[in-house]
Amino acid sequence: MSNNSDNNNNKYGDKVYYIKIVIVGDDGSGKTCLIYRLAENKFPQDYIPTIYGGYVGEFQFGPNKVQLAPWDTCGLEDQNKLRPLSYDHTNCFVLCFSISNRESFNRCLDFWYPEIQRFCPNTPIVLVGTKSDVYNNPNYVKEQLVTNSEGVEMANKIKAVQYIETSSLDNINIMKVFETASFLSIENLNSNNNKNKYNNNNKDVNMENNKRCIIN
């Protein structure tokens, strides 16, 4: 994170936060490789299936210790009814699309943003363009790739807090994604605790004043 982010974190002291980050996006958009690179610090040589949720480890972001639990999800249509079950208690969404696949990019606005808004309308989103290594790959037609400016524009459309381009193959910006998502989660958790407006008896899909998704 930037120095500004570190300074913002300092006001909260040395705490340990359990952060649940749900990774969503079309099938083949690089979600599983993103988590695998974080957890194993290497790129998978063979196909690996969706790995769902799990505790990856403890990270130090600024003065704060974060126990990070990224949840992988399946982007296939036949999982549309089951997938939202993994959204409960989500602190932040990471919405992925492949820079080499415009359909996955367009569905960020047409499908994924509406789904997040339906179940967790107040939970922050980080938009991630995966496979940025294709920019330097001569096998891809440059004019067909999603540009950085298009990614920023999409982030504005879906009200994502930030747009980040990554490459799991080249290990580019992987930690930045989870550090950014964790920082947003910590900001929200502390803001909500200070407001003291959390109502455990609320049975709505999402708490009006709590930017963590609650599904009952």
Protein backbone atom coordinates (compact mmCIF):
# COMPACT_ATOMS: atom_id res chain seq x y z
CA MET A 1 0.00 0.00 0.00
CA SER A 2 1.00 3.62 -0.37
CA ASN A 3 2.34 5.71 2.46
CA ASN A 4 -1.06 7.35 2.74
CA SER A 5 -2.67 3.96 3.30
CA ASP A 6 -0.10 3.09 5.96
CA ASN A 7 -0.77 6.37 7.72
CA ASN A 8 -4.49 5.70 7.67
CA ASN A 9 -3.93 2.26 9.15
CA ASN A 10 -1.81 3.63 12.01
CA LYS A 11 -4.80 5.19 13.73
CA TYR A 12 -6.24 1.72 14.36
CA GLY A 13 -3.21 0.29 16.14
CA ASP A 14 -1.87 -3.25 16.04
CA LYS A 15 -4.94 -5.47 15.66
CA VAL A 16 -5.60 -8.84 14.08
CA TYR A 17 -8.45 -8.84 11.58
CA TYR A 18 -10.15 -11.84 10.00
CA ILE A 19 -10.95 -10.75 6.45
CA LYS A 20 -13.15 -12.71 4.06
CA ILE A 21 -12.62 -11.75 0.42
CA VAL A 22 -14.82 -13.38 -2.22
CA ILE A 23 -13.41 -13.67 -5.75
CA VAL A 24 -16.06 -13.57 -8.48
CA GLY A 25 -16.04 -13.44 -12.27
CA ASP A 26 -16.62 -15.59 -15.33
CA ASP A 27 -15.25 -19.11 -15.59
CA GLY A 28 -11.68 -18.93 -16.89
CA SER A 29 -11.13 -15.35 -15.76
CA GLY A 30 -8.12 -16.23 -13.59
CA LYS A 31 -9.74 -16.32 -10.14
CA THR A 32 -8.25 -19.62 -8.99
CA CYS A 33 -4.77 -18.76 -10.27
CA LEU A 34 -4.94 -15.46 -8.38
CA ILE A 35 -5.55 -17.29 -5.09
CA TYR A 36 -3.06 -20.05 -5.92
CA ARG A 37 -0.33 -17.50 -6.58
CA LEU A 38 -1.07 -15.82 -3.24
CA ALA A 39 -1.12 -19.08 -1.30
CA GLU A 40 1.72 -20.99 -3.00
CA ASN A 41 3.75 -18.15 -4.54
CA LYS A 42 3.92 -19.97 -7.86
CA PHE A 43 1.87 -20.37 -11.03
CA PRO A 44 0.07 -23.70 -11.49
CA GLN A 45 1.50 -25.73 -14.35
CA ASP A 46 -1.64 -27.83 -14.74
CA TYR A 47 -5.34 -27.06 -14.62
CA ILE A 48 -6.70 -26.79 -11.10
CA PRO A 49 -10.42 -26.69 -10.32
CA THR A 50 -12.19 -24.04 -8.30
CA ILE A 51 -10.79 -24.28 -4.76
CA TYR A 52 -13.54 -22.41 -2.87
CA GLY A 53 -12.82 -20.88 0.53
CA GLY A 54 -10.07 -21.35 3.01
CA TYR A 55 -7.64 -19.68 5.33
CA VAL A 56 -4.49 -18.73 3.43
CA GLY A 57 -2.41 -17.16 6.16
CA GLU A 58 -1.58 -14.14 8.26
CA PHE A 59 -0.25 -11.03 6.57
CA GLN A 60 1.15 -7.78 7.90
CA PHE A 61 -0.41 -4.79 6.14
CA GLY A 62 0.97 -1.62 7.70
CA PRO A 63 0.67 -2.03 11.48
CA ASN A 64 -2.28 -4.41 11.13
CA LYS A 65 -2.18 -8.19 11.07
CA VAL A 66 -4.72 -9.75 8.74
CA GLN A 67 -5.88 -13.36 8.75
CA LEU A 68 -6.84 -13.61 5.11
CA ALA A 69 -9.54 -15.95 3.83
CA PRO A 70 -10.06 -15.57 0.07
CA TRP A 71 -13.03 -17.52 -1.30
CA ASP A 72 -12.91 -18.82 -4.85
CA THR A 73 -16.24 -19.15 -6.67
CA CYS A 74 -17.45 -20.94 -9.78
CA GLY A 75 -18.59 -18.61 -12.55
CA LEU A 76 -20.62 -21.19 -14.46
CA GLU A 77 -24.32 -20.55 -14.99
CA ASP A 78 -25.38 -23.78 -13.26
CA GLN A 79 -23.87 -22.39 -10.04
CA ASN A 80 -25.95 -19.20 -10.03
CA LYS A 81 -28.21 -20.41 -7.22
CA LEU A 82 -25.47 -21.95 -5.07
CA ARG A 83 -22.76 -19.33 -5.49
CA PRO A 84 -24.46 -16.60 -3.38
CA LEU A 85 -24.35 -18.94 -0.38
CA SER A 86 -20.63 -18.16 -0.18
CA TYR A 87 -21.30 -14.41 0.09
CA ASP A 88 -22.30 -14.48 3.76
CA HIS A 89 -20.05 -12.28 5.93
CA THR A 90 -18.05 -11.06 2.93
CA ASN A 91 -15.90 -8.04 3.72
CA CYS A 92 -14.89 -7.25 0.15
CA PHE A 93 -15.47 -8.57 -3.38
CA VAL A 94 -12.70 -8.97 -5.94
CA LEU A 95 -14.37 -9.00 -9.36
CA CYS A 96 -12.11 -10.52 -12.04
CA PHE A 97 -12.16 -10.43 -15.81
CA SER A 98 -9.56 -11.59 -18.32
CA ILE A 99 -7.89 -8.79 -20.26
CA SER A 100 -7.85 -11.15 -23.26
CA ASN A 101 -11.59 -11.90 -23.06
CA ARG A 102 -13.98 -9.03 -23.73
CA GLU A 103 -17.03 -11.13 -22.91
CA SER A 104 -15.77 -11.63 -19.36
CA PHE A 105 -15.11 -7.87 -19.23
CA ASN A 106 -18.59 -6.92 -20.43
CA ARG A 107 -20.25 -9.31 -17.99
CA CYS A 108 -18.74 -7.37 -15.09
CA LEU A 109 -21.41 -4.75 -15.75
CA ASP A 110 -24.13 -6.95 -17.26
CA PHE A 111 -24.10 -9.83 -14.75
CA TRP A 112 -21.63 -9.65 -11.87
CA TYR A 113 -22.32 -6.15 -10.64
CA PRO A 114 -26.10 -6.78 -10.56
CA GLU A 115 -25.52 -10.03 -8.64
CA ILE A 116 -23.33 -8.29 -6.05
CA GLN A 117 -25.86 -5.48 -5.75
CA ARG A 118 -28.68 -7.97 -5.25
CA PHE A 119 -27.06 -9.83 -2.37
CA CYS A 120 -24.48 -7.42 -0.91
CA PRO A 121 -25.22 -3.89 -2.11
CA ASN A 122 -22.98 -2.12 0.41
CA THR A 123 -19.93 -4.37 0.24
CA PRO A 124 -16.90 -2.76 -1.49
CA ILE A 125 -15.59 -4.05 -4.81
CA VAL A 126 -12.08 -4.17 -6.25
CA LEU A 127 -12.09 -4.70 -10.02
CA VAL A 128 -9.20 -6.83 -11.31
CA GLY A 129 -8.06 -7.31 -14.89
CA THR A 130 -6.15 -10.60 -14.93
CA LYS A 131 -3.57 -11.95 -17.38
CA SER A 132 -1.89 -8.59 -18.03
CA ASP A 133 1.07 -10.53 -19.45
CA VAL A 134 -0.90 -10.84 -22.71
CA TYR A 135 -0.07 -7.20 -23.47
CA ASN A 136 3.46 -8.36 -24.35
CA ASN A 137 2.42 -11.62 -25.99
CA PRO A 138 2.63 -11.47 -29.83
CA ASN A 139 0.05 -14.25 -30.09
CA TYR A 140 -2.67 -11.80 -29.04
CA VAL A 141 -4.06 -9.00 -31.20
CA LYS A 142 -3.39 -5.88 -29.17
CA GLU A 143 -6.45 -4.06 -30.50
CA GLN A 144 -8.71 -6.81 -29.13
CA LEU A 145 -7.40 -6.62 -25.57
CA VAL A 146 -9.13 -4.66 -22.82
CA THR A 147 -7.11 -1.49 -22.20
CA ASN A 148 -6.24 0.04 -18.86
CA SER A 149 -8.45 3.05 -19.55
CA GLU A 150 -11.39 0.75 -20.30
CA GLY A 151 -10.78 -1.03 -17.00
CA VAL A 152 -10.80 2.27 -15.11
CA GLU A 153 -14.01 3.28 -16.89
CA MET A 154 -15.63 -0.04 -15.96
CA ALA A 155 -14.58 0.42 -12.33
CA ASN A 156 -16.37 3.76 -12.30
CA LYS A 157 -19.51 2.23 -13.82
CA ILE A 158 -19.76 -0.52 -11.21
CA LYS A 159 -18.64 1.75 -8.36
CA ALA A 160 -15.52 -0.33 -7.69
CA VAL A 161 -13.13 1.38 -5.30
CA GLN A 162 -10.08 0.58 -7.42
CA TYR A 163 -9.02 -1.09 -10.68
CA ILE A 164 -5.87 -3.24 -10.63
CA GLU A 165 -4.23 -5.18 -13.47
CA THR A 166 -2.54 -8.43 -12.48
CA SER A 167 -0.58 -11.33 -13.89
CA SER A 168 -0.53 -14.55 -11.90
CA LEU A 169 1.95 -15.92 -14.44
CA ASP A 170 4.47 -13.13 -13.83
CA ASN A 171 3.44 -12.46 -10.21
CA ILE A 172 2.42 -8.85 -10.87
CA ASN A 173 0.20 -6.98 -8.39
CA ILE A 174 -1.11 -10.14 -6.71
CA MET A 175 -0.34 -8.92 -3.20
CA LYS A 176 -1.62 -5.45 -4.10
CA VAL A 177 -5.08 -6.87 -4.80
CA PHE A 178 -5.40 -8.54 -1.41
CA GLU A 179 -3.73 -5.70 0.45
CA THR A 180 -6.15 -3.22 -1.12
CA ALA A 181 -9.16 -5.42 -0.37
CA SER A 182 -7.97 -5.94 3.20
CA PHE A 183 -7.42 -2.24 3.76
CA LEU A 184 -10.94 -1.45 2.49
CA SER A 185 -12.33 -4.13 4.80
CA ILE A 186 -10.44 -2.77 7.81
CA GLU A 187 -11.63 0.77 7.07
CA ASN A 188 -15.23 -0.43 6.93
CA LEU A 189 -14.96 -2.58 10.04
CA ASN A 190 -13.54 0.25 12.09
CA SER A 191 -15.97 2.79 10.68
CA ASN A 192 -18.92 0.56 11.50
CA ASN A 193 -17.62 -0.21 14.99
CA ASN A 194 -17.28 3.49 15.68
CA LYS A 195 -20.84 4.15 14.54
CA ASN A 196 -22.10 1.32 16.77
CA LYS A 197 -25.12 0.77 14.55
CA TYR A 198 -24.80 -2.95 14.00
CA ASN A 199 -28.07 -4.77 14.75
CA ASN A 200 -27.66 -8.54 15.12
CA ASN A 201 -31.42 -9.09 14.90
CA ASN A 202 -31.78 -7.57 11.43
CA LYS A 203 -32.93 -10.28 9.01
CA ASP A 204 -32.39 -8.35 5.78
CA VAL A 205 -29.92 -9.60 3.20
CA ASN A 206 -27.54 -6.74 3.99
CA MET A 207 -27.15 -4.45 6.96
CA GLU A 208 -27.89 -0.88 5.95
CA ASN A 209 -25.01 0.57 7.93
CA ASN A 210 -22.56 -2.32 7.75
CA LYS A 211 -20.51 -2.87 4.61
CA ARG A 212 -20.19 -6.58 5.31
CA CYS A 213 -22.64 -8.88 3.58
CA ILE A 214 -25.02 -10.71 5.93
CA ILE A 215 -27.29 -13.38 4.46
CA ASN A 216 -29.79 -15.00 6.81
